C-alpha atoms as a PDB file:
ATOM      1  CA  MET A   1      19.350 -99.069  -8.585  1.00  0.00           C
ATOM      2  CA  LEU A   2      19.893 -95.563  -7.270  1.00  0.00           C
ATOM      3  CA  SER A   3      20.529 -94.748  -3.614  1.00  0.00           C
ATOM      4  CA  ILE A   4      19.777 -91.363  -2.071  1.00  0.00           C
ATOM      5  CA  VAL A   5      21.147 -90.291   1.315  1.00  0.00           C
ATOM      6  CA  GLY A   6      19.721 -87.471   3.387  1.00  0.00           C
ATOM      7  CA  VAL A   7      21.439 -85.640   6.216  1.00  0.00           C
ATOM      8  CA  GLY A   8      19.953 -83.771   9.139  1.00  0.00           C
ATOM      9  CA  ASP A   9      20.073 -83.238  12.885  1.00  0.00           C
ATOM     10  CA  ASP A  10      17.680 -86.148  13.426  1.00  0.00           C
ATOM     11  CA  LEU A  11      16.031 -88.963  11.503  1.00  0.00           C
ATOM     12  CA  GLU A  12      13.023 -86.864  10.520  1.00  0.00           C
ATOM     13  CA  ALA A  13      15.233 -84.119   9.049  1.00  0.00           C
ATOM     14  CA  ALA A  14      17.464 -86.621   7.241  1.00  0.00           C
ATOM     15  CA  ARG A  15      14.425 -88.394   5.807  1.00  0.00           C
ATOM     16  CA  ALA A  16      12.950 -85.100   4.612  1.00  0.00           C
ATOM     17  CA  ASP A  17      16.278 -84.172   3.010  1.00  0.00           C
ATOM     18  CA  ALA A  18      16.489 -87.491   1.161  1.00  0.00           C
ATOM     19  CA  TYR A  19      12.938 -87.232  -0.165  1.00  0.00           C
ATOM     20  CA  ALA A  20      13.484 -83.601  -1.213  1.00  0.00           C
ATOM     21  CA  THR A  21      16.491 -84.714  -3.263  1.00  0.00           C
ATOM     22  CA  LEU A  22      14.534 -87.616  -4.694  1.00  0.00           C
ATOM     23  CA  GLY A  23      11.791 -85.233  -5.795  1.00  0.00           C
ATOM     24  CA  ASP A  24      14.280 -83.541  -8.140  1.00  0.00           C
ATOM     25  CA  ILE A  25      15.145 -86.793  -9.923  1.00  0.00           C
ATOM     26  CA  LYS A  26      13.010 -87.944 -12.847  1.00  0.00           C
ATOM     27  CA  LEU A  27      13.648 -91.369 -14.349  1.00  0.00           C
ATOM     28  CA  PRO A  28      11.320 -92.779 -17.025  1.00  0.00           C
ATOM     29  CA  GLY A  29       9.493 -95.720 -15.487  1.00  0.00           C
ATOM     30  CA  GLY A  30      11.163 -95.105 -12.137  1.00  0.00           C
ATOM     31  CA  HIS A  31       9.440 -95.561  -8.809  1.00  0.00           C
ATOM     32  CA  PHE A  32      10.374 -95.313  -5.165  1.00  0.00           C
ATOM     33  CA  ARG A  33       9.069 -96.265  -1.747  1.00  0.00           C
ATOM     34  CA  LYS A  34       7.614 -93.485   0.369  1.00  0.00           C
ATOM     35  CA  ASP A  35       7.736 -95.325   3.691  1.00  0.00           C
ATOM     36  CA  ILE A  36      11.479 -95.670   4.328  1.00  0.00           C
ATOM     37  CA  GLY A  37      12.153 -94.612   7.923  1.00  0.00           C
ATOM     38  CA  LEU A  38       8.543 -93.562   8.507  1.00  0.00           C
ATOM     39  CA  ALA A  39       7.815 -96.090  11.258  1.00  0.00           C
ATOM     40  CA  ALA A  40      10.822 -94.839  13.246  1.00  0.00           C
ATOM     41  CA  VAL A  41       9.914 -91.168  12.736  1.00  0.00           C
ATOM     42  CA  GLU A  42       6.374 -91.896  13.950  1.00  0.00           C
ATOM     43  CA  GLY A  43       7.710 -93.782  16.987  1.00  0.00           C
ATOM     44  CA  ARG A  44       6.229 -97.148  15.983  1.00  0.00           C
ATOM     45  CA  ILE A  45       9.712 -98.706  16.129  1.00  0.00           C
ATOM     46  CA  THR A  46      13.008 -97.636  17.683  1.00  0.00           C
ATOM     47  CA  LEU A  47      16.450 -97.718  16.186  1.00  0.00           C
END
């Protein structure tokens, strides 16, 4: 398991930072979820 952390002024910026970092990582057979934090960014849930 690999964990990536993003930082930013708000959740949307931190999420974008994390996924930008993840885009630079290539692991054979690796996969990742693309929905982490999305519901909160879109306002469907609150934190």
